Protein backbone atom coordinates (compact mmCIF):
# COMPACT_ATOMS: atom_id res chain seq x y z
CA MET A 1 100.08 88.98 94.58
CA ALA A 2 99.45 85.35 95.57
CA SER A 3 100.84 85.93 99.05
CA PHE A 4 98.60 89.00 99.43
CA LEU A 5 95.50 86.97 98.49
CA LEU A 6 96.55 84.14 100.77
CA GLU A 7 97.00 86.59 103.67
CA ASP A 8 93.58 88.13 103.01
CA LYS A 9 92.00 84.69 102.92
CA ARG A 10 93.74 83.74 106.17
CA LYS A 11 92.38 86.90 107.85
CA TRP A 12 88.91 86.19 106.53
CA ILE A 13 89.02 82.60 107.86
CA GLU A 14 90.15 83.87 111.28
CA ASN A 15 87.31 86.39 111.40
CA TRP A 16 84.77 83.80 110.26
CA HIS A 17 85.80 81.27 112.89
CA ASN A 18 86.09 83.90 115.60
CA GLY A 19 82.43 84.78 115.19
CA ASN A 20 82.87 88.08 113.34
CA LYS A 21 80.31 87.04 110.74
CA VAL A 22 76.98 88.86 110.88
CA PRO A 23 74.29 86.37 112.00
CA TYR A 24 71.41 85.54 109.68
CA LYS A 25 68.03 86.96 110.69
CA ASN A 26 66.10 84.20 108.90
CA THR A 27 66.28 81.87 105.89
CA GLU A 28 65.49 84.64 103.43
CA ASN A 29 68.29 86.80 104.86
CA ALA A 30 70.71 83.89 104.45
CA ILE A 31 69.71 83.45 100.80
CA GLU A 32 70.16 87.18 100.19
CA ARG A 33 73.76 86.81 101.39
CA TRP A 34 75.00 84.08 99.06
CA ILE A 35 78.15 84.77 97.06
CA ALA A 36 76.41 85.25 93.69
CA THR A 37 72.88 85.95 92.48
CA VAL A 38 72.69 82.75 90.44
CA HIS A 39 72.53 80.70 93.66
CA ALA A 40 70.36 83.07 95.69
CA VAL A 41 67.16 81.08 95.19
CA GLY A 42 65.08 79.22 97.74
CA ILE A 43 62.25 76.82 96.92
CA SER A 44 59.79 75.49 99.46
CA GLY A 45 56.36 73.96 99.53
CA ASN A 46 54.67 70.70 98.74
CA SER A 47 53.05 68.93 95.78
CA ARG A 48 50.16 71.44 95.73
CA ASN A 49 51.98 74.68 96.41
CA ILE A 50 55.52 75.73 95.57
CA GLU A 51 57.00 79.01 96.76
CA ILE A 52 60.09 80.56 95.20
CA PHE A 53 62.18 83.16 96.98
CA ALA A 54 64.53 84.85 94.51
CA PRO A 55 65.53 88.28 95.83
CA TYR A 56 67.67 89.00 92.75
CA GLY A 57 65.31 87.38 90.24
CA LEU A 58 65.80 84.30 88.08
CA GLU A 59 67.22 85.83 84.90
CA ASP A 60 70.86 85.17 85.88
CA ILE A 61 70.11 81.45 86.10
CA PHE A 62 68.65 81.32 82.59
CA THR A 63 71.39 83.49 81.08
CA LYS A 64 74.23 81.72 82.96
CA THR A 65 75.30 85.06 84.43
CA ILE A 66 77.54 84.98 87.48
CA ARG A 67 77.06 88.25 89.35
CA PRO A 68 78.42 89.05 92.83
CA ILE A 69 76.20 89.97 95.74
CA TYR A 70 77.74 92.78 97.77
CA HIS A 71 77.25 92.42 101.52
CA VAL A 72 79.35 92.42 104.69
CA ASP A 73 80.17 88.70 104.56
CA ASN A 74 81.19 88.58 100.89
CA ASN A 75 84.42 89.83 99.36
CA ARG A 76 86.57 89.65 96.24
CA ILE A 77 88.50 86.59 97.46
CA LEU A 78 85.39 84.52 98.15
CA TYR A 79 83.78 85.53 94.88
CA GLU A 80 86.83 84.94 92.70
CA ASN A 81 87.59 81.57 94.32
CA LYS A 82 84.01 80.42 93.74
CA LEU A 83 84.08 81.88 90.23
CA ALA A 84 87.20 79.87 89.35
CA ARG A 85 85.50 76.64 90.45
CA TRP A 86 82.35 77.43 88.46
CA GLN A 87 84.41 78.16 85.34
CA GLU A 88 86.04 74.73 85.66
CA ARG A 89 82.62 73.03 85.81
CA PHE A 90 80.43 75.08 83.47
CA SER A 91 80.91 76.53 79.99
CA ASN A 92 79.65 79.74 78.41
CA LEU A 93 79.26 81.65 81.65
CA LYS A 94 78.71 85.39 81.51
CA ILE A 95 80.96 86.77 84.24
CA ILE A 96 80.30 90.02 86.08
CA GLU A 97 83.62 90.92 87.71
CA TRP A 98 83.85 92.03 91.34
CA SER A 99 83.99 95.81 91.63
CA ASP A 100 85.88 97.49 94.44
CA GLU A 101 83.91 100.64 93.64
CA ILE A 102 80.82 99.13 95.27
CA LYS A 103 81.09 99.23 99.04
CA ASN A 104 79.83 96.40 101.22
CA LEU A 105 76.72 97.15 103.24
């Protein structure tokens, strides 16, 4: 299984570096395409006005829920690799596993 995952990761890296990644339309579109909802938050503004862009809401942050975002540039390998690093750094995470039943957009 490890060699399969390594081969998939190698193919993904080749595609990424060969320009097969879908370009971002704008900052909001980039945020919508993070690996997990917990990080899909943008904050802008100044001392008088703060704007929050959270296309998947803020609840996952407060409940420490790690939930994948399904889109063309995300996949099981990316999500599970990032998930493993988060689990090393943070405790009591609620993990939503990647589902192959949900098709990328």
